[in-house]
Amino acid sequence: MEHRISVNPQIRFGKPCVSGTRIAVQEVLELVEAGISFSEIIEKYYPDLSVEDIRACIQFAINIIAAEEIHVSVAK
């Protein structure tokens, strides 16, 4: 799935996009978060996407969070 997402500083200011498009991962995730079905995202918003592209956007976000270091301080 990694090959489905690309980052190019000359496309969308370096935001992660679905490879071969100018569709930002964030835009796809916002539609998913809004409860829009994958089929509706493809039909009404981004006909160039596939279900696998949408899944790759979700996996990309999961991978970013999984790699994030979280530092919690305990108040005394």
PDB file of N, CA and C in Angstrom:
ATOM      1  N   MET A   1       0.813  -1.192   0.000  1.00  0.00           N
ATOM      2  CA  MET A   1       0.000   0.000   0.000  1.00  0.00           C
ATOM      3  C   MET A   1       0.861   1.262   0.000  1.00  0.00           C
ATOM      4  N   GLU A   2       2.112   1.147   0.415  1.00  0.00           N
ATOM      5  CA  GLU A   2       2.966   2.322   0.497  1.00  0.00           C
ATOM      6  C   GLU A   2       3.114   3.023  -0.850  1.00  0.00           C
ATOM      7  N   HIS A   3       3.096   2.278  -1.928  1.00  0.00           N
ATOM      8  CA  HIS A   3       3.273   2.898  -3.246  1.00  0.00           C
ATOM      9  C   HIS A   3       2.065   3.724  -3.673  1.00  0.00           C
ATOM     10  N   ARG A   4       0.965   3.618  -2.968  1.00  0.00           N
ATOM     11  CA  ARG A   4      -0.247   4.373  -3.316  1.00  0.00           C
ATOM     12  C   ARG A   4      -0.226   5.804  -2.787  1.00  0.00           C
ATOM     13  N   ILE A   5       0.658   6.101  -1.854  1.00  0.00           N
ATOM     14  CA  ILE A   5       0.755   7.444  -1.275  1.00  0.00           C
ATOM     15  C   ILE A   5       2.145   7.997  -1.587  1.00  0.00           C
ATOM     16  N   SER A   6       2.174   9.246  -2.032  1.00  0.00           N
ATOM     17  CA  SER A   6       3.463   9.862  -2.344  1.00  0.00           C
ATOM     18  C   SER A   6       3.516  11.270  -1.771  1.00  0.00           C
ATOM     19  N   VAL A   7       4.742  11.731  -1.560  1.00  0.00           N
ATOM     20  CA  VAL A   7       4.980  13.085  -1.081  1.00  0.00           C
ATOM     21  C   VAL A   7       5.954  13.728  -2.045  1.00  0.00           C
ATOM     22  N   ASN A   8       5.523  14.841  -2.629  1.00  0.00           N
ATOM     23  CA  ASN A   8       6.351  15.565  -3.581  1.00  0.00           C
ATOM     24  C   ASN A   8       6.243  17.045  -3.221  1.00  0.00           C
ATOM     25  N   PRO A   9       7.358  17.687  -2.917  1.00  0.00           N
ATOM     26  CA  PRO A   9       7.293  19.093  -2.504  1.00  0.00           C
ATOM     27  C   PRO A   9       6.692  20.010  -3.568  1.00  0.00           C
ATOM     28  N   GLN A  10       6.628  19.555  -4.805  1.00  0.00           N
ATOM     29  CA  GLN A  10       6.072  20.376  -5.881  1.00  0.00           C
ATOM     30  C   GLN A  10       4.583  20.119  -6.115  1.00  0.00           C
ATOM     31  N   ILE A  11       4.011  19.192  -5.370  1.00  0.00           N
ATOM     32  CA  ILE A  11       2.579  18.895  -5.503  1.00  0.00           C
ATOM     33  C   ILE A  11       1.913  19.139  -4.159  1.00  0.00           C
ATOM     34  N   ARG A  12       0.938  20.017  -4.151  1.00  0.00           N
ATOM     35  CA  ARG A  12       0.141  20.331  -2.948  1.00  0.00           C
ATOM     36  C   ARG A  12       1.029  20.708  -1.763  1.00  0.00           C
ATOM     37  N   PHE A  13       2.105  21.447  -2.043  1.00  0.00           N
ATOM     38  CA  PHE A  13       3.010  21.944  -1.005  1.00  0.00           C
ATOM     39  C   PHE A  13       3.618  20.823  -0.174  1.00  0.00           C
ATOM     40  N   GLY A  14       3.786  19.650  -0.777  1.00  0.00           N
ATOM     41  CA  GLY A  14       4.419  18.530  -0.089  1.00  0.00           C
ATOM     42  C   GLY A  14       3.486  17.716   0.785  1.00  0.00           C
ATOM     43  N   LYS A  15       2.196  17.991   0.720  1.00  0.00           N
ATOM     44  CA  LYS A  15       1.231  17.184   1.489  1.00  0.00           C
ATOM     45  C   LYS A  15       1.173  15.780   0.884  1.00  0.00           C
ATOM     46  N   PRO A  16       1.007  14.760   1.695  1.00  0.00           N
ATOM     47  CA  PRO A  16       0.865  13.402   1.161  1.00  0.00           C
ATOM     48  C   PRO A  16      -0.382  13.317   0.275  1.00  0.00           C
ATOM     49  N   CYS A  17      -0.206  12.729  -0.893  1.00  0.00           N
ATOM     50  CA  CYS A  17      -1.291  12.600  -1.873  1.00  0.00           C
ATOM     51  C   CYS A  17      -1.368  11.162  -2.371  1.00  0.00           C
ATOM     52  N   VAL A  18      -2.512  10.831  -2.930  1.00  0.00           N
ATOM     53  CA  VAL A  18      -2.647   9.547  -3.603  1.00  0.00           C
ATOM     54  C   VAL A  18      -1.754   9.622  -4.835  1.00  0.00           C
ATOM     55  N   SER A  19      -0.881   8.647  -5.007  1.00  0.00           N
ATOM     56  CA  SER A  19       0.083   8.652  -6.104  1.00  0.00           C
ATOM     57  C   SER A  19      -0.605   8.829  -7.450  1.00  0.00           C
ATOM     58  N   GLY A  20       0.000   9.678  -8.269  1.00  0.00           N
ATOM     59  CA  GLY A  20      -0.521   9.922  -9.606  1.00  0.00           C
ATOM     60  C   GLY A  20      -1.683  10.900  -9.649  1.00  0.00           C
ATOM     61  N   THR A  21      -2.013  11.488  -8.486  1.00  0.00           N
ATOM     62  CA  THR A  21      -3.101  12.458  -8.420  1.00  0.00           C
ATOM     63  C   THR A  21      -2.640  13.659  -7.600  1.00  0.00           C
ATOM     64  N   ARG A  22      -3.500  14.647  -7.515  1.00  0.00           N
ATOM     65  CA  ARG A  22      -3.275  15.783  -6.626  1.00  0.00           C
ATOM     66  C   ARG A  22      -4.262  15.715  -5.457  1.00  0.00           C
ATOM     67  N   ILE A  23      -4.773  14.529  -5.186  1.00  0.00           N
ATOM     68  CA  ILE A  23      -5.751  14.321  -4.122  1.00  0.00           C
ATOM     69  C   ILE A  23      -5.003  14.077  -2.818  1.00  0.00           C
ATOM     70  N   ALA A  24      -5.163  15.011  -1.881  1.00  0.00           N
ATOM     71  CA  ALA A  24      -4.450  14.921  -0.603  1.00  0.00           C
ATOM     72  C   ALA A  24      -5.073  13.856   0.295  1.00  0.00           C
ATOM     73  N   VAL A  25      -4.216  13.132   0.989  1.00  0.00           N
ATOM     74  CA  VAL A  25      -4.667  12.130   1.955  1.00  0.00           C
ATOM     75  C   VAL A  25      -5.624  12.772   2.960  1.00  0.00           C
ATOM     76  N   GLN A  26      -5.303  13.961   3.415  1.00  0.00           N
ATOM     77  CA  GLN A  26      -6.147  14.649   4.396  1.00  0.00           C
ATOM     78  C   GLN A  26      -7.568  14.835   3.875  1.00  0.00           C
ATOM     79  N   GLU A  27      -7.720  15.204   2.622  1.00  0.00           N
ATOM     80  CA  GLU A  27      -9.059  15.408   2.050  1.00  0.00           C
ATOM     81  C   GLU A  27      -9.869  14.119   2.051  1.00  0.00           C
ATOM     82  N   VAL A  28      -9.210  13.027   1.727  1.00  0.00           N
ATOM     83  CA  VAL A  28      -9.883  11.728   1.721  1.00  0.00           C
ATOM     84  C   VAL A  28     -10.286  11.352   3.140  1.00  0.00           C
ATOM     85  N   LEU A  29      -9.366  11.539   4.089  1.00  0.00           N
ATOM     86  CA  LEU A  29      -9.663  11.204   5.482  1.00  0.00           C
ATOM     87  C   LEU A  29     -10.803  12.048   6.041  1.00  0.00           C
ATOM     88  N   GLU A  30     -10.883  13.303   5.651  1.00  0.00           N
ATOM     89  CA  GLU A  30     -11.979  14.157   6.115  1.00  0.00           C
ATOM     90  C   GLU A  30     -13.331  13.638   5.618  1.00  0.00           C
ATOM     91  N   LEU A  31     -13.372  13.137   4.400  1.00  0.00           N
ATOM     92  CA  LEU A  31     -14.614  12.567   3.874  1.00  0.00           C
ATOM     93  C   LEU A  31     -14.979  11.286   4.623  1.00  0.00           C
ATOM     94  N   VAL A  32     -13.992  10.456   4.892  1.00  0.00           N
ATOM     95  CA  VAL A  32     -14.232   9.223   5.655  1.00  0.00           C
ATOM     96  C   VAL A  32     -14.739   9.578   7.047  1.00  0.00           C
ATOM     97  N   GLU A  33     -14.103  10.551   7.678  1.00  0.00           N
ATOM     98  CA  GLU A  33     -14.505  10.976   9.026  1.00  0.00           C
ATOM     99  C   GLU A  33     -15.936  11.513   9.034  1.00  0.00           C
ATOM    100  N   ALA A  34     -16.347  12.126   7.934  1.00  0.00           N
ATOM    101  CA  ALA A  34     -17.708  12.661   7.825  1.00  0.00           C
ATOM    102  C   ALA A  34     -18.747  11.562   7.621  1.00  0.00           C
ATOM    103  N   GLY A  35     -18.283  10.326   7.523  1.00  0.00           N
ATOM    104  CA  GLY A  35     -19.207   9.204   7.391  1.00  0.00           C
ATOM    105  C   GLY A  35     -19.618   8.899   5.967  1.00  0.00           C
ATOM    106  N   ILE A  36     -18.920   9.471   5.021  1.00  0.00           N
ATOM    107  CA  ILE A  36     -19.237   9.225   3.614  1.00  0.00           C
ATOM    108  C   ILE A  36     -18.642   7.878   3.210  1.00  0.00           C
ATOM    109  N   SER A  37     -19.448   7.056   2.568  1.00  0.00           N
ATOM    110  CA  SER A  37     -18.993   5.714   2.193  1.00  0.00           C
ATOM    111  C   SER A  37     -17.908   5.797   1.125  1.00  0.00           C
ATOM    112  N   PHE A  38     -17.117   4.745   1.061  1.00  0.00           N
ATOM    113  CA  PHE A  38     -16.059   4.690   0.057  1.00  0.00           C
ATOM    114  C   PHE A  38     -16.649   4.840  -1.344  1.00  0.00           C
ATOM    115  N   SER A  39     -17.743   4.153  -1.605  1.00  0.00           N
ATOM    116  CA  SER A  39     -18.334   4.219  -2.947  1.00  0.00           C
ATOM    117  C   SER A  39     -18.814   5.630  -3.273  1.00  0.00           C
ATOM    118  N   GLU A  40     -19.353   6.330  -2.284  1.00  0.00           N
ATOM    119  CA  GLU A  40     -19.813   7.704  -2.517  1.00  0.00           C
ATOM    120  C   GLU A  40     -18.627   8.645  -2.722  1.00  0.00           C
ATOM    121  N   ILE A  41     -17.548   8.432  -1.988  1.00  0.00           N
ATOM    122  CA  ILE A  41     -16.341   9.242  -2.187  1.00  0.00           C
ATOM    123  C   ILE A  41     -15.875   9.112  -3.625  1.00  0.00           C
ATOM    124  N   ILE A  42     -15.882   7.891  -4.121  1.00  0.00           N
ATOM    125  CA  ILE A  42     -15.434   7.650  -5.498  1.00  0.00           C
ATOM    126  C   ILE A  42     -16.430   8.231  -6.500  1.00  0.00           C
ATOM    127  N   GLU A  43     -17.701   7.995  -6.295  1.00  0.00           N
ATOM    128  CA  GLU A  43     -18.721   8.441  -7.252  1.00  0.00           C
ATOM    129  C   GLU A  43     -18.880   9.958  -7.289  1.00  0.00           C
ATOM    130  N   LYS A  44     -18.938  10.598  -6.125  1.00  0.00           N
ATOM    131  CA  LYS A  44     -19.296  12.014  -6.062  1.00  0.00           C
ATOM    132  C   LYS A  44     -18.115  12.973  -5.941  1.00  0.00           C
ATOM    133  N   TYR A  45     -16.997  12.497  -5.416  1.00  0.00           N
ATOM    134  CA  TYR A  45     -15.895  13.407  -5.134  1.00  0.00           C
ATOM    135  C   TYR A  45     -14.652  13.130  -5.980  1.00  0.00           C
ATOM    136  N   TYR A  46     -14.214  11.892  -5.967  1.00  0.00           N
ATOM    137  CA  TYR A  46     -12.941  11.556  -6.608  1.00  0.00           C
ATOM    138  C   TYR A  46     -13.061  10.284  -7.449  1.00  0.00           C
ATOM    139  N   PRO A  47     -13.597  10.395  -8.648  1.00  0.00           N
ATOM    140  CA  PRO A  47     -13.775   9.203  -9.486  1.00  0.00           C
ATOM    141  C   PRO A  47     -12.460   8.526  -9.895  1.00  0.00           C
ATOM    142  N   ASP A  48     -11.342   9.230  -9.729  1.00  0.00           N
ATOM    143  CA  ASP A  48     -10.045   8.628 -10.069  1.00  0.00           C
ATOM    144  C   ASP A  48      -9.515   7.709  -8.975  1.00  0.00           C
ATOM    145  N   LEU A  49     -10.162   7.723  -7.800  1.00  0.00           N
ATOM    146  CA  LEU A  49      -9.715   6.872  -6.708  1.00  0.00           C
ATOM    147  C   LEU A  49     -10.322   5.480  -6.788  1.00  0.00           C
ATOM    148  N   SER A  50      -9.662   4.554  -6.133  1.00  0.00           N
ATOM    149  CA  SER A  50     -10.196   3.211  -5.952  1.00  0.00           C
ATOM    150  C   SER A  50     -10.390   2.975  -4.454  1.00  0.00           C
ATOM    151  N   VAL A  51     -11.100   1.928  -4.115  1.00  0.00           N
ATOM    152  CA  VAL A  51     -11.272   1.567  -2.709  1.00  0.00           C
ATOM    153  C   VAL A  51      -9.902   1.337  -2.076  1.00  0.00           C
ATOM    154  N   GLU A  52      -8.989   0.738  -2.813  1.00  0.00           N
ATOM    155  CA  GLU A  52      -7.647   0.480  -2.292  1.00  0.00           C
ATOM    156  C   GLU A  52      -6.912   1.786  -1.998  1.00  0.00           C
ATOM    157  N   ASP A  53      -7.136   2.823  -2.803  1.00  0.00           N
ATOM    158  CA  ASP A  53      -6.524   4.125  -2.544  1.00  0.00           C
ATOM    159  C   ASP A  53      -7.033   4.705  -1.223  1.00  0.00           C
ATOM    160  N   ILE A  54      -8.326   4.600  -0.997  1.00  0.00           N
ATOM    161  CA  ILE A  54      -8.906   5.122   0.244  1.00  0.00           C
ATOM    162  C   ILE A  54      -8.362   4.346   1.439  1.00  0.00           C
ATOM    163  N   ARG A  55      -8.288   3.045   1.308  1.00  0.00           N
ATOM    164  CA  ARG A  55      -7.707   2.232   2.392  1.00  0.00           C
ATOM    165  C   ARG A  55      -6.255   2.612   2.640  1.00  0.00           C
ATOM    166  N   ALA A  56      -5.527   2.916   1.571  1.00  0.00           N
ATOM    167  CA  ALA A  56      -4.128   3.324   1.713  1.00  0.00           C
ATOM    168  C   ALA A  56      -4.020   4.644   2.467  1.00  0.00           C
ATOM    169  N   CYS A  57      -4.960   5.557   2.258  1.00  0.00           N
ATOM    170  CA  CYS A  57      -4.977   6.820   3.010  1.00  0.00           C
ATOM    171  C   CYS A  57      -5.164   6.552   4.499  1.00  0.00           C
ATOM    172  N   ILE A  58      -6.078   5.664   4.821  1.00  0.00           N
ATOM    173  CA  ILE A  58      -6.319   5.320   6.222  1.00  0.00           C
ATOM    174  C   ILE A  58      -5.084   4.654   6.820  1.00  0.00           C
ATOM    175  N   GLN A  59      -4.494   3.726   6.088  1.00  0.00           N
ATOM    176  CA  GLN A  59      -3.297   3.041   6.587  1.00  0.00           C
ATOM    177  C   GLN A  59      -2.145   4.014   6.766  1.00  0.00           C
ATOM    178  N   PHE A  60      -2.023   4.975   5.866  1.00  0.00           N
ATOM    179  CA  PHE A  60      -0.981   5.992   5.974  1.00  0.00           C
ATOM    180  C   PHE A  60      -1.126   6.749   7.295  1.00  0.00           C
ATOM    181  N   ALA A  61      -2.353   7.149   7.619  1.00  0.00           N
ATOM    182  CA  ALA A  61      -2.609   7.867   8.870  1.00  0.00           C
ATOM    183  C   ALA A  61      -2.284   6.986  10.073  1.00  0.00           C
ATOM    184  N   ILE A  62      -2.655   5.730  10.021  1.00  0.00           N
ATOM    185  CA  ILE A  62      -2.349   4.795  11.106  1.00  0.00           C
ATOM    186  C   ILE A  62      -0.844   4.680  11.288  1.00  0.00           C
ATOM    187  N   ASN A  63      -0.117   4.571  10.193  1.00  0.00           N
ATOM    188  CA  ASN A  63       1.339   4.450  10.263  1.00  0.00           C
ATOM    189  C   ASN A  63       1.986   5.686  10.877  1.00  0.00           C
ATOM    190  N   ILE A  64       1.456   6.862  10.550  1.00  0.00           N
ATOM    191  CA  ILE A  64       1.992   8.105  11.123  1.00  0.00           C
ATOM    192  C   ILE A  64       1.788   8.109  12.639  1.00  0.00           C
ATOM    193  N   ILE A  65       0.594   7.760  13.077  1.00  0.00           N
ATOM    194  CA  ILE A  65       0.296   7.735  14.511  1.00  0.00           C
ATOM    195  C   ILE A  65       1.131   6.666  15.215  1.00  0.00           C
ATOM    196  N   ALA A  66       1.303   5.521  14.595  1.00  0.00           N
ATOM    197  CA  ALA A  66       2.073   4.440  15.205  1.00  0.00           C
ATOM    198  C   ALA A  66       3.535   4.836  15.402  1.00  0.00           C
ATOM    199  N   ALA A  67       4.053   5.667  14.519  1.00  0.00           N
ATOM    200  CA  ALA A  67       5.455   6.073  14.607  1.00  0.00           C
ATOM    201  C   ALA A  67       5.664   7.272  15.528  1.00  0.00           C
ATOM    202  N   GLU A  68       4.578   7.920  15.921  1.00  0.00           N
ATOM    203  CA  GLU A  68       4.656   9.127  16.750  1.00  0.00           C
ATOM    204  C   GLU A  68       5.069   8.786  18.175  1.00  0.00           C
ATOM    205  N   GLU A  69       6.007   9.550  18.708  1.00  0.00           N
ATOM    206  CA  GLU A  69       6.378   9.408  20.112  1.00  0.00           C
ATOM    207  C   GLU A  69       5.506  10.352  20.920  1.00  0.00           C
ATOM    208  N   ILE A  70       4.883   9.826  21.943  1.00  0.00           N
ATOM    209  CA  ILE A  70       4.022  10.635  22.788  1.00  0.00           C
ATOM    210  C   ILE A  70       4.667  10.739  24.157  1.00  0.00           C
ATOM    211  N   HIS A  71       4.833  11.958  24.601  1.00  0.00           N
ATOM    212  CA  HIS A  71       5.438  12.208  25.905  1.00  0.00           C
ATOM    213  C   HIS A  71       4.362  12.793  26.826  1.00  0.00           C
ATOM    214  N   VAL A  72       4.122  12.110  27.903  1.00  0.00           N
ATOM    215  CA  VAL A  72       3.108  12.541  28.859  1.00  0.00           C
ATOM    216  C   VAL A  72       3.816  12.927  30.146  1.00  0.00           C
ATOM    217  N   SER A  73       3.493  14.109  30.614  1.00  0.00           N
ATOM    218  CA  SER A  73       4.064  14.505  31.907  1.00  0.00           C
ATOM    219  C   SER A  73       2.956  14.403  32.961  1.00  0.00           C
ATOM    220  N   VAL A  74       3.352  13.956  34.109  1.00  0.00           N
ATOM    221  CA  VAL A  74       2.404  13.782  35.210  1.00  0.00           C
ATOM    222  C   VAL A  74       2.526  15.010  36.126  1.00  0.00           C
ATOM    223  N   ALA A  75       1.408  15.664  36.345  1.00  0.00           N
ATOM    224  CA  ALA A  75       1.405  16.827  37.225  1.00  0.00           C
ATOM    225  C   ALA A  75       1.580  16.363  38.679  1.00  0.00           C
ATOM    226  N   LYS A  76       2.381  17.093  39.420  1.00  0.00           N
ATOM    227  CA  LYS A  76       2.626  16.720  40.825  1.00  0.00           C
ATOM    228  C   LYS A  76       1.929  17.660  41.752  1.00  0.00           C
TER     229      LYS A  76
END
